[in-house]
C-alpha atoms as a PDB file:
ATOM      1  CA  MET A   1     -91.866   4.889 -60.024  1.00  0.00           C
ATOM      2  CA  SER A   2     -91.274   8.234 -58.475  1.00  0.00           C
ATOM      3  CA  SER A   3     -88.630  10.412 -60.051  1.00  0.00           C
ATOM      4  CA  SER A   4     -86.972  13.661 -59.598  1.00  0.00           C
ATOM      5  CA  ASN A   5     -89.276  15.126 -62.138  1.00  0.00           C
ATOM      6  CA  ASP A   6     -92.463  14.314 -60.186  1.00  0.00           C
ATOM      7  CA  SER A   7     -94.125  17.165 -58.378  1.00  0.00           C
ATOM      8  CA  LYS A   8     -94.591  15.109 -55.255  1.00  0.00           C
ATOM      9  CA  PRO A   9     -91.415  14.787 -53.159  1.00  0.00           C
ATOM     10  CA  LEU A  10     -90.007  11.282 -52.465  1.00  0.00           C
ATOM     11  CA  THR A  11     -90.630   9.700 -49.109  1.00  0.00           C
ATOM     12  CA  LEU A  12     -88.294   7.498 -47.000  1.00  0.00           C
ATOM     13  CA  ALA A  13     -90.267   4.418 -48.278  1.00  0.00           C
ATOM     14  CA  ASP A  14     -89.515   5.607 -51.890  1.00  0.00           C
ATOM     15  CA  ILE A  15     -85.840   5.839 -51.241  1.00  0.00           C
ATOM     16  CA  ALA A  16     -85.765   2.480 -49.615  1.00  0.00           C
ATOM     17  CA  ARG A  17     -87.615   0.928 -52.523  1.00  0.00           C
ATOM     18  CA  LEU A  18     -85.252   2.433 -55.049  1.00  0.00           C
ATOM     19  CA  ALA A  19     -82.182   1.257 -53.125  1.00  0.00           C
ATOM     20  CA  GLY A  20     -83.588  -2.193 -52.585  1.00  0.00           C
ATOM     21  CA  VAL A  21     -83.504  -2.073 -48.776  1.00  0.00           C
ATOM     22  CA  SER A  22     -85.946  -2.022 -45.972  1.00  0.00           C
ATOM     23  CA  ARG A  23     -87.332   1.285 -44.652  1.00  0.00           C
ATOM     24  CA  SER A  24     -85.534   0.901 -41.477  1.00  0.00           C
ATOM     25  CA  ALA A  25     -82.233   0.235 -43.183  1.00  0.00           C
ATOM     26  CA  ALA A  26     -82.700   3.343 -45.299  1.00  0.00           C
ATOM     27  CA  SER A  27     -83.465   5.369 -42.114  1.00  0.00           C
ATOM     28  CA  ARG A  28     -80.254   4.207 -40.393  1.00  0.00           C
ATOM     29  CA  ALA A  29     -78.190   5.018 -43.517  1.00  0.00           C
ATOM     30  CA  LEU A  30     -79.605   8.586 -43.650  1.00  0.00           C
ATOM     31  CA  ASP A  31     -79.350   9.240 -39.862  1.00  0.00           C
ATOM     32  CA  ARG A  32     -77.340  12.484 -39.719  1.00  0.00           C
ATOM     33  CA  VAL A  33     -76.240  11.874 -36.071  1.00  0.00           C
ATOM     34  CA  ALA A  34     -75.046   8.238 -36.292  1.00  0.00           C
ATOM     35  CA  PRO A  35     -75.208   6.922 -39.843  1.00  0.00           C
ATOM     36  CA  VAL A  36     -74.243   3.355 -40.464  1.00  0.00           C
ATOM     37  CA  GLY A  37     -71.598   2.306 -43.035  1.00  0.00           C
ATOM     38  CA  GLY A  38     -71.336  -0.207 -45.791  1.00  0.00           C
ATOM     39  CA  ALA A  39     -72.107  -0.536 -49.457  1.00  0.00           C
ATOM     40  CA  ARG A  40     -75.830  -0.605 -49.046  1.00  0.00           C
ATOM     41  CA  ALA A  41     -75.798   2.479 -46.855  1.00  0.00           C
ATOM     42  CA  GLU A  42     -73.743   4.327 -49.423  1.00  0.00           C
ATOM     43  CA  ARG A  43     -76.195   3.308 -52.126  1.00  0.00           C
ATOM     44  CA  VAL A  44     -79.082   4.652 -50.114  1.00  0.00           C
ATOM     45  CA  ARG A  45     -77.294   7.980 -49.472  1.00  0.00           C
ATOM     46  CA  ALA A  46     -76.407   8.254 -53.154  1.00  0.00           C
ATOM     47  CA  ILE A  47     -79.977   7.824 -54.309  1.00  0.00           C
ATOM     48  CA  ALA A  48     -81.166  10.253 -51.695  1.00  0.00           C
ATOM     49  CA  ALA A  49     -78.734  12.832 -52.878  1.00  0.00           C
ATOM     50  CA  ALA A  50     -79.673  12.248 -56.508  1.00  0.00           C
ATOM     51  CA  HIS A  51     -83.415  12.913 -55.776  1.00  0.00           C
ATOM     52  CA  GLY A  52     -82.763  15.794 -53.366  1.00  0.00           C
ATOM     53  CA  TYR A  53     -84.278  13.858 -50.427  1.00  0.00           C
ATOM     54  CA  VAL A  54     -83.919  15.496 -47.034  1.00  0.00           C
ATOM     55  CA  PRO A  55     -84.485  13.296 -43.876  1.00  0.00           C
ATOM     56  CA  ASN A  56     -87.044  14.501 -41.371  1.00  0.00           C
ATOM     57  CA  SER A  57     -84.746  15.028 -38.407  1.00  0.00           C
ATOM     58  CA  ARG A  58     -87.674  15.669 -35.962  1.00  0.00           C
ATOM     59  CA  ALA A  59     -89.277  12.309 -36.837  1.00  0.00           C
ATOM     60  CA  ALA A  60     -85.925  10.609 -36.572  1.00  0.00           C
ATOM     61  CA  ASN A  61     -85.384  12.022 -33.143  1.00  0.00           C
ATOM     62  CA  LEU A  62     -88.629  10.862 -31.984  1.00  0.00           C
ATOM     63  CA  ARG A  63     -87.960   7.256 -33.159  1.00  0.00           C
ATOM     64  CA  ARG A  64     -84.627   7.451 -31.333  1.00  0.00           C
ATOM     65  CA  GLN A  65     -86.210   9.073 -28.205  1.00  0.00           C
ATOM     66  CA  ARG A  66     -83.758  11.954 -28.662  1.00  0.00           C
ATOM     67  CA  THR A  67     -84.488  15.633 -28.656  1.00  0.00           C
ATOM     68  CA  GLY A  68     -81.537  16.545 -30.840  1.00  0.00           C
ATOM     69  CA  LEU A  69     -80.542  19.124 -28.298  1.00  0.00           C
ATOM     70  CA  ILE A  70     -77.171  19.335 -26.544  1.00  0.00           C
ATOM     71  CA  GLY A  71     -76.752  21.296 -23.353  1.00  0.00           C
ATOM     72  CA  VAL A  72     -73.506  23.518 -23.127  1.00  0.00           C
ATOM     73  CA  VAL A  73     -72.364  24.791 -19.776  1.00  0.00           C
ATOM     74  CA  VAL A  74     -69.926  27.685 -19.635  1.00  0.00           C
ATOM     75  CA  PRO A  75     -68.818  30.084 -16.884  1.00  0.00           C
ATOM     76  CA  ARG A  76     -69.876  33.106 -18.833  1.00  0.00           C
ATOM     77  CA  LEU A  77     -70.302  34.247 -22.459  1.00  0.00           C
ATOM     78  CA  THR A  78     -68.662  37.606 -21.906  1.00  0.00           C
ATOM     79  CA  ASP A  79     -65.459  35.508 -21.889  1.00  0.00           C
ATOM     80  CA  THR A  80     -64.318  35.616 -25.559  1.00  0.00           C
ATOM     81  CA  VAL A  81     -62.847  32.179 -25.395  1.00  0.00           C
ATOM     82  CA  MET A  82     -66.094  30.660 -24.187  1.00  0.00           C
ATOM     83  CA  ALA A  83     -68.081  32.548 -26.835  1.00  0.00           C
ATOM     84  CA  MET A  84     -65.597  31.307 -29.573  1.00  0.00           C
ATOM     85  CA  LEU A  85     -65.911  27.687 -28.360  1.00  0.00           C
ATOM     86  CA  TYR A  86     -69.778  27.857 -28.073  1.00  0.00           C
ATOM     87  CA  GLU A  87     -69.988  29.173 -31.697  1.00  0.00           C
ATOM     88  CA  ALA A  88     -67.744  26.316 -32.854  1.00  0.00           C
ATOM     89  CA  ILE A  89     -69.981  23.813 -31.072  1.00  0.00           C
ATOM     90  CA  VAL A  90     -73.099  25.359 -32.641  1.00  0.00           C
ATOM     91  CA  ALA A  91     -71.527  25.028 -36.067  1.00  0.00           C
ATOM     92  CA  GLU A  92     -70.473  21.472 -35.470  1.00  0.00           C
ATOM     93  CA  CYS A  93     -73.930  20.450 -34.031  1.00  0.00           C
ATOM     94  CA  ALA A  94     -75.524  21.938 -37.282  1.00  0.00           C
ATOM     95  CA  LYS A  95     -73.277  19.562 -39.327  1.00  0.00           C
ATOM     96  CA  ARG A  96     -74.540  16.580 -37.242  1.00  0.00           C
ATOM     97  CA  GLY A  97     -78.319  17.508 -37.415  1.00  0.00           C
ATOM     98  CA  CYS A  98     -78.676  18.638 -33.854  1.00  0.00           C
ATOM     99  CA  GLN A  99     -78.738  21.872 -31.900  1.00  0.00           C
ATOM    100  CA  ALA A 100     -76.871  23.407 -28.950  1.00  0.00           C
ATOM    101  CA  THR A 101     -78.361  25.430 -26.054  1.00  0.00           C
ATOM    102  CA  VAL A 102     -76.177  27.224 -23.503  1.00  0.00           C
ATOM    103  CA  VAL A 103     -76.317  28.189 -19.771  1.00  0.00           C
ATOM    104  CA  THR A 104     -73.873  30.349 -17.854  1.00  0.00           C
ATOM    105  CA  THR A 105     -72.746  29.638 -14.338  1.00  0.00           C
ATOM    106  CA  ASP A 106     -70.226  32.407 -13.309  1.00  0.00           C
ATOM    107  CA  ASP A 107     -68.192  29.507 -11.838  1.00  0.00           C
ATOM    108  CA  ASP A 108     -70.808  29.111  -9.044  1.00  0.00           C
ATOM    109  CA  HIS A 109     -71.542  25.480  -8.048  1.00  0.00           C
ATOM    110  CA  ARG A 110     -75.042  26.058  -7.067  1.00  0.00           C
ATOM    111  CA  ALA A 111     -75.844  28.006 -10.228  1.00  0.00           C
ATOM    112  CA  GLU A 112     -74.172  25.307 -12.258  1.00  0.00           C
ATOM    113  CA  LEU A 113     -76.292  22.514 -10.655  1.00  0.00           C
ATOM    114  CA  GLU A 114     -79.506  24.547 -10.845  1.00  0.00           C
ATOM    115  CA  ARG A 115     -79.090  25.421 -14.514  1.00  0.00           C
ATOM    116  CA  GLY A 116     -77.733  22.054 -15.438  1.00  0.00           C
ATOM    117  CA  ARG A 117     -80.918  20.558 -13.948  1.00  0.00           C
ATOM    118  CA  ALA A 118     -82.953  22.985 -16.046  1.00  0.00           C
ATOM    119  CA  LEU A 119     -81.306  21.618 -19.173  1.00  0.00           C
ATOM    120  CA  LEU A 120     -82.122  18.142 -18.035  1.00  0.00           C
ATOM    121  CA  ASP A 121     -85.717  19.113 -17.767  1.00  0.00           C
ATOM    122  CA  GLN A 122     -85.572  20.086 -21.484  1.00  0.00           C
ATOM    123  CA  ARG A 123     -84.460  16.540 -22.081  1.00  0.00           C
ATOM    124  CA  VAL A 124     -81.145  17.424 -23.733  1.00  0.00           C
ATOM    125  CA  ASP A 125     -79.424  14.293 -25.191  1.00  0.00           C
ATOM    126  CA  GLY A 126     -76.179  15.208 -23.354  1.00  0.00           C
ATOM    127  CA  PHE A 127     -73.811  17.899 -22.043  1.00  0.00           C
ATOM    128  CA  ILE A 128     -70.604  19.585 -23.143  1.00  0.00           C
ATOM    129  CA  VAL A 129     -69.235  21.189 -19.947  1.00  0.00           C
ATOM    130  CA  THR A 130     -66.407  23.798 -19.813  1.00  0.00           C
ATOM    131  CA  THR A 131     -66.384  24.435 -16.158  1.00  0.00           C
ATOM    132  CA  ALA A 132     -64.561  21.336 -14.877  1.00  0.00           C
ATOM    133  CA  ARG A 133     -62.365  21.649 -11.789  1.00  0.00           C
ATOM    134  CA  THR A 134     -59.452  19.507 -10.577  1.00  0.00           C
ATOM    135  CA  ASP A 135     -60.362  20.000  -6.912  1.00  0.00           C
ATOM    136  CA  GLY A 136     -63.344  17.662  -7.063  1.00  0.00           C
ATOM    137  CA  ALA A 137     -65.982  20.374  -6.601  1.00  0.00           C
ATOM    138  CA  ASP A 138     -68.244  19.391  -9.555  1.00  0.00           C
ATOM    139  CA  PRO A 139     -71.773  18.566  -8.286  1.00  0.00           C
ATOM    140  CA  LEU A 140     -73.192  18.825 -11.728  1.00  0.00           C
ATOM    141  CA  LEU A 141     -70.809  16.116 -13.086  1.00  0.00           C
ATOM    142  CA  LEU A 142     -71.581  13.937 -10.064  1.00  0.00           C
ATOM    143  CA  GLU A 143     -75.264  14.191 -10.854  1.00  0.00           C
ATOM    144  CA  LEU A 144     -74.806  13.450 -14.586  1.00  0.00           C
ATOM    145  CA  ARG A 145     -72.823  10.316 -13.725  1.00  0.00           C
ATOM    146  CA  GLU A 146     -75.486   9.176 -11.281  1.00  0.00           C
ATOM    147  CA  ARG A 147     -78.208   9.630 -13.739  1.00  0.00           C
ATOM    148  CA  GLY A 148     -76.291   8.131 -16.684  1.00  0.00           C
ATOM    149  CA  VAL A 149     -76.464  11.224 -18.764  1.00  0.00           C
ATOM    150  CA  PRO A 150     -73.737  11.456 -21.449  1.00  0.00           C
ATOM    151  CA  PHE A 151     -71.314  14.367 -21.192  1.00  0.00           C
ATOM    152  CA  CYS A 152     -67.968  15.506 -22.431  1.00  0.00           C
ATOM    153  CA  LEU A 153     -65.713  18.065 -20.891  1.00  0.00           C
ATOM    154  CA  ALA A 154     -64.148  20.751 -23.168  1.00  0.00           C
ATOM    155  CA  LEU A 155     -61.135  23.033 -22.709  1.00  0.00           C
ATOM    156  CA  ARG A 156     -60.941  22.024 -19.016  1.00  0.00           C
ATOM    157  CA  THR A 157     -60.804  18.503 -17.562  1.00  0.00           C
ATOM    158  CA  ASP A 158     -61.058  16.740 -14.232  1.00  0.00           C
ATOM    159  CA  GLY A 159     -58.495  14.276 -15.353  1.00  0.00           C
ATOM    160  CA  GLU A 160     -60.703  11.296 -15.716  1.00  0.00           C
ATOM    161  CA  SER A 161     -63.941  12.197 -17.585  1.00  0.00           C
ATOM    162  CA  PRO A 162     -64.184  12.195 -21.375  1.00  0.00           C
ATOM    163  CA  SER A 163     -62.580  15.465 -22.424  1.00  0.00           C
ATOM    164  CA  ALA A 164     -61.742  17.553 -25.590  1.00  0.00           C
ATOM    165  CA  LEU A 165     -58.895  19.850 -24.887  1.00  0.00           C
ATOM    166  CA  GLY A 166     -56.056  21.841 -26.332  1.00  0.00           C
ATOM    167  CA  ASP A 167     -52.481  20.768 -25.457  1.00  0.00           C
ATOM    168  CA  ASP A 168     -51.970  23.306 -22.707  1.00  0.00           C
ATOM    169  CA  GLU A 169     -48.628  22.133 -21.603  1.00  0.00           C
ATOM    170  CA  ALA A 170     -47.203  22.152 -25.066  1.00  0.00           C
ATOM    171  CA  GLY A 171     -48.650  25.637 -25.541  1.00  0.00           C
ATOM    172  CA  GLY A 172     -47.080  26.876 -22.282  1.00  0.00           C
ATOM    173  CA  TRP A 173     -43.683  25.456 -23.330  1.00  0.00           C
ATOM    174  CA  MET A 174     -43.931  27.117 -26.835  1.00  0.00           C
ATOM    175  CA  ALA A 175     -44.787  30.461 -25.383  1.00  0.00           C
ATOM    176  CA  THR A 176     -42.039  30.443 -22.834  1.00  0.00           C
ATOM    177  CA  ARG A 177     -39.512  29.027 -25.242  1.00  0.00           C
ATOM    178  CA  HIS A 178     -40.363  31.865 -27.673  1.00  0.00           C
ATOM    179  CA  LEU A 179     -39.397  34.384 -24.874  1.00  0.00           C
ATOM    180  CA  ILE A 180     -36.176  32.510 -23.997  1.00  0.00           C
ATOM    181  CA  GLU A 181     -35.126  32.370 -27.717  1.00  0.00           C
ATOM    182  CA  ALA A 182     -35.638  36.182 -27.853  1.00  0.00           C
ATOM    183  CA  GLY A 183     -32.988  36.421 -25.041  1.00  0.00           C
ATOM    184  CA  HIS A 184     -35.179  36.746 -21.947  1.00  0.00           C
ATOM    185  CA  GLU A 185     -34.080  35.054 -18.688  1.00  0.00           C
ATOM    186  CA  ARG A 186     -36.312  36.639 -16.003  1.00  0.00           C
ATOM    187  CA  ILE A 187     -39.654  35.540 -17.177  1.00  0.00           C
ATOM    188  CA  ALA A 188     -42.902  35.687 -15.144  1.00  0.00           C
ATOM    189  CA  PHE A 189     -45.960  33.551 -15.415  1.00  0.00           C
ATOM    190  CA  VAL A 190     -49.479  34.762 -14.669  1.00  0.00           C
ATOM    191  CA  GLY A 191     -52.025  31.975 -14.601  1.00  0.00           C
ATOM    192  CA  GLY A 192     -55.720  31.730 -14.238  1.00  0.00           C
ATOM    193  CA  ALA A 193     -57.925  29.972 -11.671  1.00  0.00           C
ATOM    194  CA  PRO A 194     -55.704  27.375  -9.869  1.00  0.00           C
ATOM    195  CA  TYR A 195     -58.481  24.759 -10.159  1.00  0.00           C
ATOM    196  CA  ALA A 196     -58.529  24.970 -13.941  1.00  0.00           C
ATOM    197  CA  SER A 197     -56.561  22.281 -15.847  1.00  0.00           C
ATOM    198  CA  SER A 198     -55.951  24.783 -18.675  1.00  0.00           C
ATOM    199  CA  SER A 199     -53.972  27.096 -16.390  1.00  0.00           C
ATOM    200  CA  GLN A 200     -52.254  24.262 -14.666  1.00  0.00           C
ATOM    201  CA  GLY A 201     -51.082  22.775 -18.022  1.00  0.00           C
ATOM    202  CA  ARG A 202     -49.746  26.235 -19.216  1.00  0.00           C
ATOM    203  CA  ARG A 203     -47.903  26.579 -15.963  1.00  0.00           C
ATOM    204  CA  ALA A 204     -46.372  23.176 -16.326  1.00  0.00           C
ATOM    205  CA  GLY A 205     -45.226  24.097 -19.876  1.00  0.00           C
ATOM    206  CA  TYR A 206     -43.657  27.302 -18.574  1.00  0.00           C
ATOM    207  CA  LEU A 207     -41.812  25.488 -15.832  1.00  0.00           C
ATOM    208  CA  ARG A 208     -40.557  22.834 -18.165  1.00  0.00           C
ATOM    209  CA  ALA A 209     -39.193  25.409 -20.627  1.00  0.00           C
ATOM    210  CA  MET A 210     -37.459  27.319 -17.858  1.00  0.00           C
ATOM    211  CA  THR A 211     -35.957  24.204 -16.329  1.00  0.00           C
ATOM    212  CA  GLU A 212     -34.655  22.926 -19.730  1.00  0.00           C
ATOM    213  CA  ALA A 213     -32.956  26.414 -20.355  1.00  0.00           C
ATOM    214  CA  GLY A 214     -31.429  26.333 -16.911  1.00  0.00           C
ATOM    215  CA  LEU A 215     -33.381  29.336 -15.726  1.00  0.00           C
ATOM    216  CA  SER A 216     -34.834  29.925 -12.352  1.00  0.00           C
ATOM    217  CA  ALA A 217     -38.579  30.513 -11.761  1.00  0.00           C
ATOM    218  CA  PRO A 218     -38.769  31.907  -8.190  1.00  0.00           C
ATOM    219  CA  PRO A 219     -42.189  32.154  -6.408  1.00  0.00           C
ATOM    220  CA  GLU A 220     -42.391  35.995  -6.870  1.00  0.00           C
ATOM    221  CA  LEU A 221     -42.552  35.444 -10.666  1.00  0.00           C
ATOM    222  CA  ILE A 222     -45.365  32.988 -10.518  1.00  0.00           C
ATOM    223  CA  HIS A 223     -48.986  34.135  -9.858  1.00  0.00           C
ATOM    224  CA  GLU A 224     -52.379  32.421  -9.982  1.00  0.00           C
ATOM    225  CA  THR A 225     -55.409  34.530 -10.049  1.00  0.00           C
ATOM    226  CA  ASP A 226     -58.441  34.370 -12.389  1.00  0.00           C
ATOM    227  CA  PHE A 227     -58.581  34.816 -16.204  1.00  0.00           C
ATOM    228  CA  SER A 228     -59.816  38.512 -16.223  1.00  0.00           C
ATOM    229  CA  MET A 229     -58.316  41.742 -17.488  1.00  0.00           C
ATOM    230  CA  GLN A 230     -58.659  43.237 -13.982  1.00  0.00           C
ATOM    231  CA  ALA A 231     -56.624  40.326 -12.596  1.00  0.00           C
ATOM    232  CA  GLY A 232     -53.976  41.168 -15.207  1.00  0.00           C
ATOM    233  CA  VAL A 233     -53.882  44.798 -14.061  1.00  0.00           C
ATOM    234  CA  ARG A 234     -53.505  43.803 -10.356  1.00  0.00           C
ATOM    235  CA  THR A 235     -50.899  41.179 -10.982  1.00  0.00           C
ATOM    236  CA  GLY A 236     -49.022  43.457 -13.348  1.00  0.00           C
ATOM    237  CA  HIS A 237     -48.606  46.121 -10.735  1.00  0.00           C
ATOM    238  CA  LEU A 238     -47.302  43.408  -8.303  1.00  0.00           C
ATOM    239  CA  LEU A 239     -44.764  42.285 -10.811  1.00  0.00           C
ATOM    240  CA  LEU A 240     -43.590  45.773 -11.717  1.00  0.00           C
ATOM    241  CA  ALA A 241     -43.143  46.708  -8.052  1.00  0.00           C
ATOM    242  CA  LEU A 242     -40.542  43.930  -7.572  1.00  0.00           C
ATOM    243  CA  ALA A 243     -36.990  45.038  -6.860  1.00  0.00           C
ATOM    244  CA  GLU A 244     -35.883  43.213 -10.048  1.00  0.00           C
ATOM    245  CA  VAL A 245     -38.760  43.559 -12.531  1.00  0.00           C
ATOM    246  CA  PRO A 246     -39.064  40.671 -15.117  1.00  0.00           C
ATOM    247  CA  THR A 247     -38.268  41.512 -18.749  1.00  0.00           C
ATOM    248  CA  ALA A 248     -41.011  39.312 -20.030  1.00  0.00           C
ATOM    249  CA  VAL A 249     -44.361  37.718 -18.989  1.00  0.00           C
ATOM    250  CA  PHE A 250     -46.288  34.801 -20.250  1.00  0.00           C
ATOM    251  CA  THR A 251     -50.032  34.975 -19.354  1.00  0.00           C
ATOM    252  CA  ALA A 252     -52.482  32.031 -19.464  1.00  0.00           C
ATOM    253  CA  ASN A 253     -54.873  34.041 -21.665  1.00  0.00           C
ATOM    254  CA  ASP A 254     -55.131  37.176 -23.827  1.00  0.00           C
ATOM    255  CA  SER A 255     -57.269  39.002 -21.207  1.00  0.00           C
ATOM    256  CA  LEU A 256     -54.499  38.744 -18.535  1.00  0.00           C
ATOM    257  CA  ALA A 257     -51.964  40.052 -21.101  1.00  0.00           C
ATOM    258  CA  VAL A 258     -54.221  43.012 -21.987  1.00  0.00           C
ATOM    259  CA  GLY A 259     -54.274  43.799 -18.144  1.00  0.00           C
ATOM    260  CA  LEU A 260     -50.592  43.465 -17.985  1.00  0.00           C
ATOM    261  CA  ILE A 261     -50.150  45.977 -20.835  1.00  0.00           C
ATOM    262  CA  SER A 262     -52.415  48.461 -19.030  1.00  0.00           C
ATOM    263  CA  ALA A 263     -50.385  48.141 -15.808  1.00  0.00           C
ATOM    264  CA  ALA A 264     -47.161  48.602 -17.820  1.00  0.00           C
ATOM    265  CA  LEU A 265     -48.329  51.694 -19.580  1.00  0.00           C
ATOM    266  CA  ARG A 266     -49.585  53.259 -16.299  1.00  0.00           C
ATOM    267  CA  SER A 267     -46.047  52.557 -14.882  1.00  0.00           C
ATOM    268  CA  GLY A 268     -44.455  54.315 -17.750  1.00  0.00           C
ATOM    269  CA  LEU A 269     -43.066  51.172 -19.333  1.00  0.00           C
ATOM    270  CA  ARG A 270     -43.339  50.321 -23.089  1.00  0.00           C
ATOM    271  CA  VAL A 271     -44.348  47.088 -24.679  1.00  0.00           C
ATOM    272  CA  PRO A 272     -42.183  45.412 -25.953  1.00  0.00           C
ATOM    273  CA  GLU A 273     -39.133  47.724 -25.471  1.00  0.00           C
ATOM    274  CA  ASP A 274     -39.316  47.427 -21.588  1.00  0.00           C
ATOM    275  CA  LEU A 275     -41.598  44.419 -21.191  1.00  0.00           C
ATOM    276  CA  SER A 276     -42.239  41.601 -23.636  1.00  0.00           C
ATOM    277  CA  LEU A 277     -45.458  39.670 -23.459  1.00  0.00           C
ATOM    278  CA  VAL A 278     -47.075  36.485 -24.813  1.00  0.00           C
ATOM    279  CA  GLY A 279     -50.666  35.707 -24.345  1.00  0.00           C
ATOM    280  CA  TYR A 280     -52.916  32.497 -25.017  1.00  0.00           C
ATOM    281  CA  ASN A 281     -55.926  31.719 -27.115  1.00  0.00           C
ATOM    282  CA  ASP A 282     -55.337  34.270 -29.870  1.00  0.00           C
ATOM    283  CA  THR A 283     -58.647  35.983 -29.335  1.00  0.00           C
ATOM    284  CA  PRO A 284     -59.530  38.572 -31.865  1.00  0.00           C
ATOM    285  CA  ILE A 285     -58.333  41.468 -29.793  1.00  0.00           C
ATOM    286  CA  ALA A 286     -54.735  40.202 -29.932  1.00  0.00           C
ATOM    287  CA  ALA A 287     -54.068  41.309 -33.469  1.00  0.00           C
ATOM    288  CA  HIS A 288     -55.715  44.719 -32.976  1.00  0.00           C
ATOM    289  CA  LEU A 289     -54.000  46.130 -29.955  1.00  0.00           C
ATOM    290  CA  ALA A 290     -51.751  49.150 -30.337  1.00  0.00           C
ATOM    291  CA  THR A 291     -48.810  46.791 -30.065  1.00  0.00           C
ATOM    292  CA  PRO A 292     -50.223  43.419 -31.474  1.00  0.00           C
ATOM    293  CA  LEU A 293     -49.922  40.596 -29.022  1.00  0.00           C
ATOM    294  CA  THR A 294     -48.031  37.429 -29.641  1.00  0.00           C
ATOM    295  CA  SER A 295     -50.347  34.580 -28.597  1.00  0.00           C
ATOM    296  CA  LEU A 296     -50.915  30.845 -28.834  1.00  0.00           C
ATOM    297  CA  ALA A 297     -53.831  30.120 -31.286  1.00  0.00           C
ATOM    298  CA  VAL A 298     -56.073  27.344 -29.989  1.00  0.00           C
ATOM    299  CA  PRO A 299     -57.994  25.141 -32.646  1.00  0.00           C
ATOM    300  CA  PHE A 300     -61.539  25.765 -31.191  1.00  0.00           C
ATOM    301  CA  ALA A 301     -63.144  24.231 -34.283  1.00  0.00           C
ATOM    302  CA  GLN A 302     -61.310  20.985 -33.781  1.00  0.00           C
ATOM    303  CA  ILE A 303     -61.962  20.908 -29.956  1.00  0.00           C
ATOM    304  CA  ALA A 304     -65.696  21.491 -30.561  1.00  0.00           C
ATOM    305  CA  ALA A 305     -65.711  18.669 -33.128  1.00  0.00           C
ATOM    306  CA  ASP A 306     -63.966  16.344 -30.691  1.00  0.00           C
ATOM    307  CA  ALA A 307     -66.438  17.191 -27.982  1.00  0.00           C
ATOM    308  CA  VAL A 308     -69.579  16.700 -30.095  1.00  0.00           C
ATOM    309  CA  SER A 309     -68.180  13.498 -31.570  1.00  0.00           C
ATOM    310  CA  ARG A 310     -67.314  12.110 -28.218  1.00  0.00           C
ATOM    311  CA  LEU A 311     -70.825  13.025 -26.981  1.00  0.00           C
ATOM    312  CA  LEU A 312     -72.653  11.423 -29.930  1.00  0.00           C
ATOM    313  CA  ASP A 313     -70.434   8.612 -30.972  1.00  0.00           C
ATOM    314  CA  GLY A 314     -68.867   7.663 -27.517  1.00  0.00           C
ATOM    315  CA  ALA A 315     -65.624   5.830 -27.310  1.00  0.00           C
ATOM    316  CA  ALA A 316     -65.574   5.077 -31.061  1.00  0.00           C
ATOM    317  CA  ALA A 317     -64.865   8.738 -31.688  1.00  0.00           C
ATOM    318  CA  THR A 318     -61.498   8.587 -30.016  1.00  0.00           C
ATOM    319  CA  ASP A 319     -60.416   4.938 -30.158  1.00  0.00           C
ATOM    320  CA  GLY A 320     -61.315   4.561 -26.403  1.00  0.00           C
ATOM    321  CA  GLU A 321     -59.023   7.302 -25.115  1.00  0.00           C
ATOM    322  CA  PRO A 322     -60.704   9.417 -22.476  1.00  0.00           C
ATOM    323  CA  ILE A 323     -58.962  12.684 -23.340  1.00  0.00           C
ATOM    324  CA  THR A 324     -58.106  14.180 -26.735  1.00  0.00           C
ATOM    325  CA  ARG A 325     -55.750  17.110 -27.051  1.00  0.00           C
ATOM    326  CA  ARG A 326     -55.224  19.443 -29.987  1.00  0.00           C
ATOM    327  CA  ALA A 327     -51.990  21.212 -30.481  1.00  0.00           C
ATOM    328  CA  PRO A 328     -51.917  25.123 -30.462  1.00  0.00           C
ATOM    329  CA  HIS A 329     -49.508  27.003 -32.618  1.00  0.00           C
ATOM    330  CA  LEU A 330     -47.619  30.266 -31.878  1.00  0.00           C
ATOM    331  CA  VAL A 331     -48.723  33.438 -33.650  1.00  0.00           C
ATOM    332  CA  SER A 332     -45.722  35.807 -33.494  1.00  0.00           C
ATOM    333  CA  ARG A 333     -46.509  39.584 -33.409  1.00  0.00           C
ATOM    334  CA  GLU A 334     -44.795  42.764 -32.074  1.00  0.00           C
ATOM    335  CA  SER A 335     -45.135  42.231 -28.425  1.00  0.00           C
ATOM    336  CA  VAL A 336     -41.981  40.318 -28.004  1.00  0.00           C
ATOM    337  CA  THR A 337     -38.408  41.719 -28.577  1.00  0.00           C
ATOM    338  CA  SER A 338     -34.956  41.092 -27.034  1.00  0.00           C
ATOM    339  CA  PRO A 339     -34.478  42.553 -23.586  1.00  0.00           C
ATOM    340  CA  ARG A 340     -32.783  45.909 -23.028  1.00  0.00           C
ATOM    341  CA  ARG A 341     -29.307  45.502 -21.579  1.00  0.00           C
ATOM    342  CA  HIS A 342     -28.187  47.812 -18.845  1.00  0.00           C
ATOM    343  CA  ASP A 343     -24.340  47.608 -18.815  1.00  0.00           C
END
C-alpha cells in the first residue's frame, strides 16, 4: 500500500482505493470547480489531504471538455472600479481551480462583439460581462444566448440576465440620506452613463431619499454624463454656475467626485466648507485626497464570488434568483459637513 512516506506520489487510483470508491467517484469528489457532496466524498477529500494529493486540473478539464478559462469583458482597465473587480474575479477563480482572462471594449458595441468572439475562439467556459446596457444594445449578449454560452453580468445588469450586483439603490439612498442628516437641502446628483443600471439605481436611491425628506430635486440639480473625472469637472462648472448653487453633491462614482472637487477649487470654493461631496465605490484615491472623500464601499470580493459561482454552478448558486445584490456601506470622511448659513 502506498503511504505518505513513499517517494512516489499517490495517484488518483491510489486515493480511490484507500477511500474504497471508484476512480470516477474519487475524481468527482476532488473536482475543484464542482465537487460532489456526501460522506463518501468527504472521506475521499480527507484521505487526499492527509497524503498531500493535488488533483491534475488540466486532466480534469480535458475529461469535462472544459478549458478552465473564464472570459471577462470590461469597458476599460484604466477604470479603477473595473480593475478592482477584475482582480477580485481572478482571486475567486484561483480558489475554484480556473483562470480569468480579460478584454476591454471602451463601451463600443463592435469592439465588444469582436473581442468577445476572440474569447470564444479560445474556448472559454463562460463569460463575466460588466458592460451590460438597459437600452437593449448588447450584441455580445445576444450572440452568447444564441450559442448557448454561459454568462453572468457583474456590476451592471440588463434586468433579466443572471447578474451579480451591488445594491445601487440602497447605496444611493444612504449617500443622500447622509447629506440630508448633515443639514443639506439643496443636493445635486451627478450620474454616469444613462444606460448603466448602476447609475440608474444610485439615482433612484437619491430621489427616494429626497422625496422621503420632503425635499425637491429640480432638473437643474440632476445630471447624467459618463463616469470620468473630466465629466465631473464639466458638470461641476455647470452646477456652480447656477443662480442658486447646491450645498452638496452626490456623485455616482469617486472619479466624478474628484472632478467636482477640481471644479470647486478652480471656482474658489472649499470642500467641505462651501460644498459637501459623497462619492461611490470607495476606490483607493478616496482616502488619500487632500480632503478625504466620503464614499460608499462596494463589496467587490463578494460580487466577484457571486458572479463566478453563478457561472460555474448555475441556478444552484443563488437558489434560482436571476439577480443577486450585495449591500454597500458608507465610509464617512471629511468631505461632508453642515452647510454654511447666510442669514
